[in-house]
PDB file of N, CA and C in Angstrom:
ATOM      1  N   MET A   1      82.800 227.939 117.498  1.00  0.00           N
ATOM      2  CA  MET A   1      81.821 227.183 118.327  1.00  0.00           C
ATOM      3  C   MET A   1      80.889 228.297 119.006  1.00  0.00           C
ATOM      4  N   SER A   2      79.564 228.058 118.704  1.00  0.00           N
ATOM      5  CA  SER A   2      78.573 229.087 119.084  1.00  0.00           C
ATOM      6  C   SER A   2      78.334 229.351 120.516  1.00  0.00           C
ATOM      7  N   ASP A   3      78.586 228.364 121.372  1.00  0.00           N
ATOM      8  CA  ASP A   3      78.315 228.514 122.809  1.00  0.00           C
ATOM      9  C   ASP A   3      79.566 228.678 123.683  1.00  0.00           C
ATOM     10  N   CYS A   4      80.765 228.906 123.022  1.00  0.00           N
ATOM     11  CA  CYS A   4      81.990 229.170 123.679  1.00  0.00           C
ATOM     12  C   CYS A   4      82.149 230.610 123.989  1.00  0.00           C
ATOM     13  N   ILE A   5      82.247 230.956 125.262  1.00  0.00           N
ATOM     14  CA  ILE A   5      82.412 232.359 125.686  1.00  0.00           C
ATOM     15  C   ILE A   5      83.720 233.042 125.062  1.00  0.00           C
ATOM     16  N   PHE A   6      84.788 232.318 124.870  1.00  0.00           N
ATOM     17  CA  PHE A   6      85.943 232.909 124.306  1.00  0.00           C
ATOM     18  C   PHE A   6      85.770 233.151 122.876  1.00  0.00           C
ATOM     19  N   CYS A   7      85.107 232.217 122.201  1.00  0.00           N
ATOM     20  CA  CYS A   7      84.775 232.469 120.703  1.00  0.00           C
ATOM     21  C   CYS A   7      83.893 233.658 120.530  1.00  0.00           C
ATOM     22  N   MET A   8      82.925 233.793 121.449  1.00  0.00           N
ATOM     23  CA  MET A   8      82.059 235.077 121.386  1.00  0.00           C
ATOM     24  C   MET A   8      82.849 236.296 121.668  1.00  0.00           C
ATOM     25  N   ILE A   9      83.871 236.220 122.576  1.00  0.00           N
ATOM     26  CA  ILE A   9      84.707 237.411 122.827  1.00  0.00           C
ATOM     27  C   ILE A   9      85.623 237.694 121.618  1.00  0.00           C
ATOM     28  N   ALA A  10      86.150 236.589 120.977  1.00  0.00           N
ATOM     29  CA  ALA A  10      86.918 236.790 119.758  1.00  0.00           C
ATOM     30  C   ALA A  10      86.201 237.334 118.536  1.00  0.00           C
ATOM     31  N   ASN A  11      84.928 236.967 118.585  1.00  0.00           N
ATOM     32  CA  ASN A  11      84.023 237.438 117.409  1.00  0.00           C
ATOM     33  C   ASN A  11      83.375 238.771 117.768  1.00  0.00           C
ATOM     34  N   GLN A  12      83.743 239.414 118.917  1.00  0.00           N
ATOM     35  CA  GLN A  12      83.235 240.659 119.382  1.00  0.00           C
ATOM     36  C   GLN A  12      81.762 240.653 119.644  1.00  0.00           C
ATOM     37  N   GLU A  13      81.219 239.502 119.999  1.00  0.00           N
ATOM     38  CA  GLU A  13      79.794 239.357 120.403  1.00  0.00           C
ATOM     39  C   GLU A  13      79.667 239.745 121.922  1.00  0.00           C
ATOM     40  N   ILE A  14      80.694 239.621 122.568  1.00  0.00           N
ATOM     41  CA  ILE A  14      80.803 240.025 124.049  1.00  0.00           C
ATOM     42  C   ILE A  14      81.931 240.977 124.143  1.00  0.00           C
ATOM     43  N   PRO A  15      81.681 242.223 124.804  1.00  0.00           N
ATOM     44  CA  PRO A  15      82.829 243.109 124.975  1.00  0.00           C
ATOM     45  C   PRO A  15      83.904 242.644 125.869  1.00  0.00           C
ATOM     46  N   SER A  16      85.098 243.125 125.644  1.00  0.00           N
ATOM     47  CA  SER A  16      86.228 242.803 126.504  1.00  0.00           C
ATOM     48  C   SER A  16      87.138 243.969 126.323  1.00  0.00           C
ATOM     49  N   LYS A  17      88.089 243.997 127.332  1.00  0.00           N
ATOM     50  CA  LYS A  17      89.108 245.020 127.404  1.00  0.00           C
ATOM     51  C   LYS A  17      90.329 244.546 126.656  1.00  0.00           C
ATOM     52  N   VAL A  18      90.441 244.802 125.384  1.00  0.00           N
ATOM     53  CA  VAL A  18      91.461 244.202 124.549  1.00  0.00           C
ATOM     54  C   VAL A  18      92.892 244.920 124.773  1.00  0.00           C
ATOM     55  N   VAL A  19      93.877 244.099 124.898  1.00  0.00           N
ATOM     56  CA  VAL A  19      95.195 244.575 124.986  1.00  0.00           C
ATOM     57  C   VAL A  19      95.976 244.500 123.715  1.00  0.00           C
ATOM     58  N   TYR A  20      95.701 243.396 122.876  1.00  0.00           N
ATOM     59  CA  TYR A  20      96.304 243.119 121.661  1.00  0.00           C
ATOM     60  C   TYR A  20      95.423 242.234 120.809  1.00  0.00           C
ATOM     61  N   GLU A  21      95.500 242.433 119.525  1.00  0.00           N
ATOM     62  CA  GLU A  21      94.713 241.620 118.625  1.00  0.00           C
ATOM     63  C   GLU A  21      95.408 241.693 117.249  1.00  0.00           C
ATOM     64  N   ASP A  22      95.409 240.566 116.625  1.00  0.00           N
ATOM     65  CA  ASP A  22      95.750 240.372 115.215  1.00  0.00           C
ATOM     66  C   ASP A  22      94.748 239.426 114.553  1.00  0.00           C
ATOM     67  N   ASP A  23      95.181 238.905 113.377  1.00  0.00           N
ATOM     68  CA  ASP A  23      94.226 238.063 112.705  1.00  0.00           C
ATOM     69  C   ASP A  23      94.143 236.691 113.304  1.00  0.00           C
ATOM     70  N   ARG A  24      95.056 236.281 114.180  1.00  0.00           N
ATOM     71  CA  ARG A  24      95.069 234.924 114.685  1.00  0.00           C
ATOM     72  C   ARG A  24      94.888 234.847 116.258  1.00  0.00           C
ATOM     73  N   ILE A  25      95.106 235.855 117.014  1.00  0.00           N
ATOM     74  CA  ILE A  25      95.058 235.806 118.425  1.00  0.00           C
ATOM     75  C   ILE A  25      94.374 237.098 118.901  1.00  0.00           C
ATOM     76  N   LEU A  26      93.908 236.884 120.218  1.00  0.00           N
ATOM     77  CA  LEU A  26      93.310 238.016 120.960  1.00  0.00           C
ATOM     78  C   LEU A  26      93.807 237.959 122.440  1.00  0.00           C
ATOM     79  N   VAL A  27      94.162 239.097 122.913  1.00  0.00           N
ATOM     80  CA  VAL A  27      94.659 239.260 124.342  1.00  0.00           C
ATOM     81  C   VAL A  27      93.717 240.191 125.041  1.00  0.00           C
ATOM     82  N   PHE A  28      93.178 239.883 126.110  1.00  0.00           N
ATOM     83  CA  PHE A  28      92.201 240.716 126.853  1.00  0.00           C
ATOM     84  C   PHE A  28      92.293 240.507 128.409  1.00  0.00           C
ATOM     85  N   HIS A  29      91.884 241.561 129.091  1.00  0.00           N
ATOM     86  CA  HIS A  29      91.903 241.525 130.537  1.00  0.00           C
ATOM     87  C   HIS A  29      91.011 240.461 131.117  1.00  0.00           C
ATOM     88  N   ASP A  30      91.484 239.700 132.155  1.00  0.00           N
ATOM     89  CA  ASP A  30      90.685 238.715 132.923  1.00  0.00           C
ATOM     90  C   ASP A  30      89.726 239.466 133.669  1.00  0.00           C
ATOM     91  N   LEU A  31      88.451 239.034 133.765  1.00  0.00           N
ATOM     92  CA  LEU A  31      87.407 239.662 134.571  1.00  0.00           C
ATOM     93  C   LEU A  31      87.653 239.371 136.176  1.00  0.00           C
ATOM     94  N   GLU A  32      88.410 238.357 136.429  1.00  0.00           N
ATOM     95  CA  GLU A  32      88.735 238.028 137.834  1.00  0.00           C
ATOM     96  C   GLU A  32      90.216 237.971 138.020  1.00  0.00           C
ATOM     97  N   PRO A  33      90.881 239.146 137.998  1.00  0.00           N
ATOM     98  CA  PRO A  33      92.397 239.111 137.935  1.00  0.00           C
ATOM     99  C   PRO A  33      92.936 238.518 139.228  1.00  0.00           C
ATOM    100  N   GLN A  34      93.950 237.761 139.193  1.00  0.00           N
ATOM    101  CA  GLN A  34      94.622 237.129 140.233  1.00  0.00           C
ATOM    102  C   GLN A  34      95.981 237.745 140.525  1.00  0.00           C
ATOM    103  N   ALA A  35      96.189 238.854 139.732  1.00  0.00           N
ATOM    104  CA  ALA A  35      97.498 239.686 139.913  1.00  0.00           C
ATOM    105  C   ALA A  35      97.166 241.056 139.452  1.00  0.00           C
ATOM    106  N   PRO A  36      98.024 242.078 139.836  1.00  0.00           N
ATOM    107  CA  PRO A  36      97.822 243.354 139.311  1.00  0.00           C
ATOM    108  C   PRO A  36      97.622 243.440 137.787  1.00  0.00           C
ATOM    109  N   VAL A  37      98.431 242.581 137.088  1.00  0.00           N
ATOM    110  CA  VAL A  37      98.206 242.399 135.654  1.00  0.00           C
ATOM    111  C   VAL A  37      97.836 241.001 135.392  1.00  0.00           C
ATOM    112  N   HIS A  38      96.736 240.799 134.747  1.00  0.00           N
ATOM    113  CA  HIS A  38      96.268 239.415 134.464  1.00  0.00           C
ATOM    114  C   HIS A  38      95.402 239.440 133.127  1.00  0.00           C
ATOM    115  N   VAL A  39      96.013 239.053 132.074  1.00  0.00           N
ATOM    116  CA  VAL A  39      95.387 239.041 130.808  1.00  0.00           C
ATOM    117  C   VAL A  39      95.313 237.516 130.310  1.00  0.00           C
ATOM    118  N   LEU A  40      94.420 237.322 129.350  1.00  0.00           N
ATOM    119  CA  LEU A  40      94.169 235.970 128.790  1.00  0.00           C
ATOM    120  C   LEU A  40      94.561 236.103 127.348  1.00  0.00           C
ATOM    121  N   MET A  41      95.377 235.191 126.823  1.00  0.00           N
ATOM    122  CA  MET A  41      95.851 235.094 125.448  1.00  0.00           C
ATOM    123  C   MET A  41      95.148 233.906 124.807  1.00  0.00           C
ATOM    124  N   ILE A  42      94.330 234.132 123.770  1.00  0.00           N
ATOM    125  CA  ILE A  42      93.596 233.101 123.154  1.00  0.00           C
ATOM    126  C   ILE A  42      93.854 233.077 121.605  1.00  0.00           C
ATOM    127  N   PRO A  43      93.809 231.803 121.020  1.00  0.00           N
ATOM    128  CA  PRO A  43      93.692 231.738 119.667  1.00  0.00           C
ATOM    129  C   PRO A  43      92.301 232.103 119.172  1.00  0.00           C
ATOM    130  N   LYS A  44      92.109 232.781 118.072  1.00  0.00           N
ATOM    131  CA  LYS A  44      90.759 233.040 117.586  1.00  0.00           C
ATOM    132  C   LYS A  44      90.048 231.708 117.102  1.00  0.00           C
ATOM    133  N   LYS A  45      90.889 230.808 116.666  1.00  0.00           N
ATOM    134  CA  LYS A  45      90.383 229.468 116.207  1.00  0.00           C
ATOM    135  C   LYS A  45      89.974 228.789 117.478  1.00  0.00           C
ATOM    136  N   HIS A  46      88.799 228.114 117.521  1.00  0.00           N
ATOM    137  CA  HIS A  46      88.442 227.353 118.673  1.00  0.00           C
ATOM    138  C   HIS A  46      89.194 225.994 118.722  1.00  0.00           C
ATOM    139  N   ILE A  47      89.984 225.853 119.774  1.00  0.00           N
ATOM    140  CA  ILE A  47      90.757 224.702 120.077  1.00  0.00           C
ATOM    141  C   ILE A  47      90.410 224.456 121.563  1.00  0.00           C
ATOM    142  N   ALA A  48      89.860 223.271 121.968  1.00  0.00           N
ATOM    143  CA  ALA A  48      89.345 223.044 123.269  1.00  0.00           C
ATOM    144  C   ALA A  48      90.434 223.202 124.410  1.00  0.00           C
ATOM    145  N   SER A  49      91.622 222.562 124.106  1.00  0.00           N
ATOM    146  CA  SER A  49      92.739 222.568 125.048  1.00  0.00           C
ATOM    147  C   SER A  49      94.013 222.149 124.432  1.00  0.00           C
ATOM    148  N   LEU A  50      95.081 222.270 125.176  1.00  0.00           N
ATOM    149  CA  LEU A  50      96.345 221.814 124.653  1.00  0.00           C
ATOM    150  C   LEU A  50      96.349 220.333 124.154  1.00  0.00           C
ATOM    151  N   ASP A  51      95.471 219.555 124.789  1.00  0.00           N
ATOM    152  CA  ASP A  51      95.310 218.126 124.367  1.00  0.00           C
ATOM    153  C   ASP A  51      94.746 218.003 122.983  1.00  0.00           C
ATOM    154  N   GLU A  52      94.073 219.043 122.527  1.00  0.00           N
ATOM    155  CA  GLU A  52      93.387 219.013 121.213  1.00  0.00           C
ATOM    156  C   GLU A  52      94.295 219.614 120.045  1.00  0.00           C
ATOM    157  N   LEU A  53      95.454 220.114 120.400  1.00  0.00           N
ATOM    158  CA  LEU A  53      96.330 220.585 119.341  1.00  0.00           C
ATOM    159  C   LEU A  53      96.703 219.595 118.312  1.00  0.00           C
ATOM    160  N   THR A  54      96.825 219.998 117.072  1.00  0.00           N
ATOM    161  CA  THR A  54      97.300 219.093 115.955  1.00  0.00           C
ATOM    162  C   THR A  54      98.500 219.754 115.310  1.00  0.00           C
ATOM    163  N   GLU A  55      99.179 219.018 114.513  1.00  0.00           N
ATOM    164  CA  GLU A  55     100.258 219.531 113.694  1.00  0.00           C
ATOM    165  C   GLU A  55      99.893 220.783 112.965  1.00  0.00           C
ATOM    166  N   GLU A  56      98.681 220.788 112.432  1.00  0.00           N
ATOM    167  CA  GLU A  56      98.070 221.931 111.710  1.00  0.00           C
ATOM    168  C   GLU A  56      98.146 223.253 112.601  1.00  0.00           C
ATOM    169  N   ASP A  57      98.095 223.092 113.905  1.00  0.00           N
ATOM    170  CA  ASP A  57      98.031 224.227 114.847  1.00  0.00           C
ATOM    171  C   ASP A  57      99.482 224.780 115.195  1.00  0.00           C
ATOM    172  N   ALA A  58     100.425 224.078 114.782  1.00  0.00           N
ATOM    173  CA  ALA A  58     101.833 224.572 115.157  1.00  0.00           C
ATOM    174  C   ALA A  58     102.191 225.929 114.853  1.00  0.00           C
ATOM    175  N   GLY A  59     101.797 226.454 113.705  1.00  0.00           N
ATOM    176  CA  GLY A  59     102.111 227.820 113.282  1.00  0.00           C
ATOM    177  C   GLY A  59     101.330 228.820 114.210  1.00  0.00           C
ATOM    178  N   LEU A  60     100.099 228.503 114.453  1.00  0.00           N
ATOM    179  CA  LEU A  60      99.152 229.343 115.270  1.00  0.00           C
ATOM    180  C   LEU A  60      99.791 229.442 116.709  1.00  0.00           C
ATOM    181  N   ILE A  61     100.106 228.328 117.317  1.00  0.00           N
ATOM    182  CA  ILE A  61     100.660 228.242 118.687  1.00  0.00           C
ATOM    183  C   ILE A  61     101.989 228.954 118.830  1.00  0.00           C
ATOM    184  N   GLY A  62     102.831 228.742 117.777  1.00  0.00           N
ATOM    185  CA  GLY A  62     104.089 229.476 117.748  1.00  0.00           C
ATOM    186  C   GLY A  62     103.953 230.874 117.610  1.00  0.00           C
ATOM    187  N   HIS A  63     103.024 231.380 116.893  1.00  0.00           N
ATOM    188  CA  HIS A  63     102.753 232.736 116.814  1.00  0.00           C
ATOM    189  C   HIS A  63     102.311 233.243 118.131  1.00  0.00           C
ATOM    190  N   LEU A  64     101.334 232.665 118.783  1.00  0.00           N
ATOM    191  CA  LEU A  64     100.900 233.069 120.122  1.00  0.00           C
ATOM    192  C   LEU A  64     102.083 233.135 121.114  1.00  0.00           C
ATOM    193  N   MET A  65     102.876 232.197 121.126  1.00  0.00           N
ATOM    194  CA  MET A  65     103.995 232.107 122.061  1.00  0.00           C
ATOM    195  C   MET A  65     104.993 233.308 121.825  1.00  0.00           C
ATOM    196  N   LEU A  66     105.307 233.494 120.543  1.00  0.00           N
ATOM    197  CA  LEU A  66     106.172 234.642 120.227  1.00  0.00           C
ATOM    198  C   LEU A  66     105.612 235.975 120.515  1.00  0.00           C
ATOM    199  N   LYS A  67     104.273 236.109 120.656  1.00  0.00           N
ATOM    200  CA  LYS A  67     103.699 237.326 121.039  1.00  0.00           C
ATOM    201  C   LYS A  67     103.765 237.626 122.524  1.00  0.00           C
ATOM    202  N   VAL A  68     104.010 236.548 123.384  1.00  0.00           N
ATOM    203  CA  VAL A  68     103.944 236.739 124.768  1.00  0.00           C
ATOM    204  C   VAL A  68     104.856 237.904 125.197  1.00  0.00           C
ATOM    205  N   LYS A  69     106.195 237.886 124.725  1.00  0.00           N
ATOM    206  CA  LYS A  69     107.120 238.923 125.124  1.00  0.00           C
ATOM    207  C   LYS A  69     106.614 240.278 124.718  1.00  0.00           C
ATOM    208  N   GLU A  70     105.969 240.470 123.556  1.00  0.00           N
ATOM    209  CA  GLU A  70     105.533 241.713 123.102  1.00  0.00           C
ATOM    210  C   GLU A  70     104.408 242.235 123.954  1.00  0.00           C
ATOM    211  N   VAL A  71     103.452 241.316 124.300  1.00  0.00           N
ATOM    212  CA  VAL A  71     102.355 241.730 125.155  1.00  0.00           C
ATOM    213  C   VAL A  71     102.912 242.121 126.584  1.00  0.00           C
ATOM    214  N   ALA A  72     103.818 241.284 127.051  1.00  0.00           N
ATOM    215  CA  ALA A  72     104.383 241.571 128.395  1.00  0.00           C
ATOM    216  C   ALA A  72     105.048 242.950 128.413  1.00  0.00           C
ATOM    217  N   SER A  73     105.784 243.264 127.319  1.00  0.00           N
ATOM    218  CA  SER A  73     106.340 244.635 127.213  1.00  0.00           C
ATOM    219  C   SER A  73     105.251 245.723 127.148  1.00  0.00           C
ATOM    220  N   LEU A  74     104.217 245.487 126.416  1.00  0.00           N
ATOM    221  CA  LEU A  74     103.111 246.491 126.254  1.00  0.00           C
ATOM    222  C   LEU A  74     102.464 246.672 127.738  1.00  0.00           C
ATOM    223  N   LEU A  75     102.504 245.647 128.560  1.00  0.00           N
ATOM    224  CA  LEU A  75     101.914 245.798 129.932  1.00  0.00           C
ATOM    225  C   LEU A  75     102.834 246.162 131.020  1.00  0.00           C
ATOM    226  N   GLY A  76     104.092 246.482 130.580  1.00  0.00           N
ATOM    227  CA  GLY A  76     105.124 246.935 131.527  1.00  0.00           C
ATOM    228  C   GLY A  76     105.607 245.860 132.537  1.00  0.00           C
ATOM    229  N   LEU A  77     105.735 244.597 132.125  1.00  0.00           N
ATOM    230  CA  LEU A  77     106.200 243.480 132.835  1.00  0.00           C
ATOM    231  C   LEU A  77     107.648 243.287 132.712  1.00  0.00           C
ATOM    232  N   GLU A  78     108.376 244.412 132.774  1.00  0.00           N
ATOM    233  CA  GLU A  78     109.877 244.294 132.616  1.00  0.00           C
ATOM    234  C   GLU A  78     110.551 243.452 133.681  1.00  0.00           C
ATOM    235  N   ASN A  79     109.920 243.216 134.842  1.00  0.00           N
ATOM    236  CA  ASN A  79     110.523 242.598 135.886  1.00  0.00           C
ATOM    237  C   ASN A  79     110.175 241.192 136.021  1.00  0.00           C
ATOM    238  N   GLY A  80     109.449 240.652 134.985  1.00  0.00           N
ATOM    239  CA  GLY A  80     109.107 239.250 134.920  1.00  0.00           C
ATOM    240  C   GLY A  80     107.523 238.993 134.882  1.00  0.00           C
ATOM    241  N   TYR A  81     107.244 237.852 134.703  1.00  0.00           N
ATOM    242  CA  TYR A  81     105.812 237.435 134.487  1.00  0.00           C
ATOM    243  C   TYR A  81     105.642 235.906 134.611  1.00  0.00           C
ATOM    244  N   ARG A  82     104.456 235.512 134.752  1.00  0.00           N
ATOM    245  CA  ARG A  82     104.107 234.040 134.733  1.00  0.00           C
ATOM    246  C   ARG A  82     103.178 233.812 133.603  1.00  0.00           C
ATOM    247  N   LEU A  83     103.351 232.734 132.833  1.00  0.00           N
ATOM    248  CA  LEU A  83     102.417 232.285 131.820  1.00  0.00           C
ATOM    249  C   LEU A  83     101.891 230.966 132.195  1.00  0.00           C
ATOM    250  N   VAL A  84     100.535 230.822 132.252  1.00  0.00           N
ATOM    251  CA  VAL A  84      99.935 229.596 132.827  1.00  0.00           C
ATOM    252  C   VAL A  84      98.937 229.068 131.816  1.00  0.00           C
ATOM    253  N   ASN A  85      98.900 227.779 131.676  1.00  0.00           N
ATOM    254  CA  ASN A  85      97.800 227.067 130.926  1.00  0.00           C
ATOM    255  C   ASN A  85      97.238 226.053 131.836  1.00  0.00           C
ATOM    256  N   ASN A  86      95.959 226.013 131.969  1.00  0.00           N
ATOM    257  CA  ASN A  86      95.243 224.937 132.720  1.00  0.00           C
ATOM    258  C   ASN A  86      94.649 224.076 131.667  1.00  0.00           C
ATOM    259  N   CYS A  87      94.864 222.764 131.873  1.00  0.00           N
ATOM    260  CA  CYS A  87      94.461 221.732 130.902  1.00  0.00           C
ATOM    261  C   CYS A  87      93.647 220.619 131.535  1.00  0.00           C
ATOM    262  N   GLY A  88      92.430 220.459 131.194  1.00  0.00           N
ATOM    263  CA  GLY A  88      91.617 219.374 131.685  1.00  0.00           C
ATOM    264  C   GLY A  88      90.971 219.672 133.115  1.00  0.00           C
ATOM    265  N   GLU A  89      90.292 218.712 133.586  1.00  0.00           N
ATOM    266  CA  GLU A  89      89.534 218.921 134.894  1.00  0.00           C
ATOM    267  C   GLU A  89      90.465 219.089 136.055  1.00  0.00           C
ATOM    268  N   ASP A  90      91.443 218.179 136.165  1.00  0.00           N
ATOM    269  CA  ASP A  90      92.411 218.198 137.248  1.00  0.00           C
ATOM    270  C   ASP A  90      93.313 219.515 137.146  1.00  0.00           C
ATOM    271  N   GLY A  91      93.540 219.982 135.915  1.00  0.00           N
ATOM    272  CA  GLY A  91      94.267 221.236 135.775  1.00  0.00           C
ATOM    273  C   GLY A  91      93.561 222.408 136.053  1.00  0.00           C
ATOM    274  N   MET A  92      92.190 222.363 136.362  1.00  0.00           N
ATOM    275  CA  MET A  92      91.350 223.461 136.662  1.00  0.00           C
ATOM    276  C   MET A  92      90.908 224.271 135.403  1.00  0.00           C
ATOM    277  N   GLN A  93      90.865 223.658 134.235  1.00  0.00           N
ATOM    278  CA  GLN A  93      90.488 224.362 133.095  1.00  0.00           C
ATOM    279  C   GLN A  93      88.952 224.563 133.198  1.00  0.00           C
ATOM    280  N   THR A  94      88.548 225.864 133.236  1.00  0.00           N
ATOM    281  CA  THR A  94      87.103 226.065 133.320  1.00  0.00           C
ATOM    282  C   THR A  94      86.476 226.509 132.089  1.00  0.00           C
ATOM    283  N   VAL A  95      87.132 227.041 131.108  1.00  0.00           N
ATOM    284  CA  VAL A  95      86.615 227.423 129.809  1.00  0.00           C
ATOM    285  C   VAL A  95      87.290 226.448 128.845  1.00  0.00           C
ATOM    286  N   LYS A  96      86.508 225.730 128.018  1.00  0.00           N
ATOM    287  CA  LYS A  96      87.063 224.781 127.060  1.00  0.00           C
ATOM    288  C   LYS A  96      87.410 225.400 125.760  1.00  0.00           C
ATOM    289  N   HIS A  97      88.337 226.377 125.898  1.00  0.00           N
ATOM    290  CA  HIS A  97      88.896 227.003 124.712  1.00  0.00           C
ATOM    291  C   HIS A  97      90.294 227.291 125.196  1.00  0.00           C
ATOM    292  N   LEU A  98      91.309 226.826 124.456  1.00  0.00           N
ATOM    293  CA  LEU A  98      92.659 226.974 124.767  1.00  0.00           C
ATOM    294  C   LEU A  98      93.010 228.441 125.034  1.00  0.00           C
ATOM    295  N   HIS A  99      93.602 228.701 126.280  1.00  0.00           N
ATOM    296  CA  HIS A  99      94.038 230.037 126.684  1.00  0.00           C
ATOM    297  C   HIS A  99      95.049 229.957 127.614  1.00  0.00           C
ATOM    298  N   PHE A 100      95.855 231.083 127.682  1.00  0.00           N
ATOM    299  CA  PHE A 100      96.986 231.228 128.539  1.00  0.00           C
ATOM    300  C   PHE A 100      96.797 232.442 129.466  1.00  0.00           C
ATOM    301  N   HIS A 101      97.089 232.334 130.725  1.00  0.00           N
ATOM    302  CA  HIS A 101      97.010 233.445 131.588  1.00  0.00           C
ATOM    303  C   HIS A 101      98.374 234.058 131.659  1.00  0.00           C
ATOM    304  N   LEU A 102      98.517 235.320 131.510  1.00  0.00           N
ATOM    305  CA  LEU A 102      99.685 236.143 131.589  1.00  0.00           C
ATOM    306  C   LEU A 102      99.510 236.946 132.737  1.00  0.00           C
ATOM    307  N   LEU A 103     100.322 236.731 133.831  1.00  0.00           N
ATOM    308  CA  LEU A 103     100.207 237.501 135.140  1.00  0.00           C
ATOM    309  C   LEU A 103     101.433 238.048 135.510  1.00  0.00           C
ATOM    310  N   GLY A 104     101.350 239.264 136.129  1.00  0.00           N
ATOM    311  CA  GLY A 104     102.527 240.011 136.568  1.00  0.00           C
ATOM    312  C   GLY A 104     102.233 241.241 137.484  1.00  0.00           C
ATOM    313  N   LYS A 105     103.315 241.941 137.725  1.00  0.00           N
ATOM    314  CA  LYS A 105     103.360 243.049 138.559  1.00  0.00           C
ATOM    315  C   LYS A 105     103.228 242.738 140.051  1.00  0.00           C
ATOM    316  N   ARG A 106     103.596 241.458 140.403  1.00  0.00           N
ATOM    317  CA  ARG A 106     103.677 240.953 141.732  1.00  0.00           C
ATOM    318  C   ARG A 106     104.625 239.849 141.817  1.00  0.00           C
ATOM    319  N   LYS A 107     105.222 239.608 142.969  1.00  0.00           N
ATOM    320  CA  LYS A 107     106.111 238.369 143.128  1.00  0.00           C
ATOM    321  C   LYS A 107     105.191 237.174 143.176  1.00  0.00           C
ATOM    322  N   MET A 108     105.561 236.173 142.267  1.00  0.00           N
ATOM    323  CA  MET A 108     104.884 234.995 142.164  1.00  0.00           C
ATOM    324  C   MET A 108     105.341 233.976 143.212  1.00  0.00           C
ATOM    325  N   ILE A 109     104.545 233.120 143.696  1.00  0.00           N
ATOM    326  CA  ILE A 109     104.967 232.071 144.684  1.00  0.00           C
ATOM    327  C   ILE A 109     105.031 230.758 144.010  1.00  0.00           C
ATOM    328  N   TRP A 110     105.872 229.795 144.632  1.00  0.00           N
ATOM    329  CA  TRP A 110     105.965 228.468 144.120  1.00  0.00           C
ATOM    330  C   TRP A 110     106.003 227.474 145.313  1.00  0.00           C
ATOM    331  N   PRO A 111     105.305 226.404 145.300  1.00  0.00           N
ATOM    332  CA  PRO A 111     104.590 225.956 144.106  1.00  0.00           C
ATOM    333  C   PRO A 111     103.171 226.766 143.860  1.00  0.00           C
ATOM    334  N   PRO A 112     102.718 226.771 142.741  1.00  0.00           N
ATOM    335  CA  PRO A 112     101.510 227.651 142.513  1.00  0.00           C
ATOM    336  C   PRO A 112     100.225 227.068 142.920  1.00  0.00           C
ATOM    337  N   GLY A 113     100.081 225.756 143.169  1.00  0.00           N
ATOM    338  CA  GLY A 113      98.815 225.146 143.428  1.00  0.00           C
ATOM    339  C   GLY A 113      98.957 224.136 144.299  1.00  0.00           C
TER     340      GLY A 113
END
């Protein structure tokens, strides 16, 4: 999608501080971190939100989820972390490209919002 900021980041049209990348996903530091470690995990394929997933996307999303522990290890999150997805307007999704926030290096609070 040509006007999607995360697609532009995935296509290297906008620079980012990359933590991990393969042919299907990209992980990069959030520009407005909410924890000492705060990265975004995105599929390179444009999918607007969790609500837009199809059966065809199962392998891609499974791959992304299995990479969470690897990325957490790369970032030194051995004491735990939080993985967050915001979906839709009430969920406070601000970028219409599926993404997960991986946060760590501080004690998380509950409830989160």
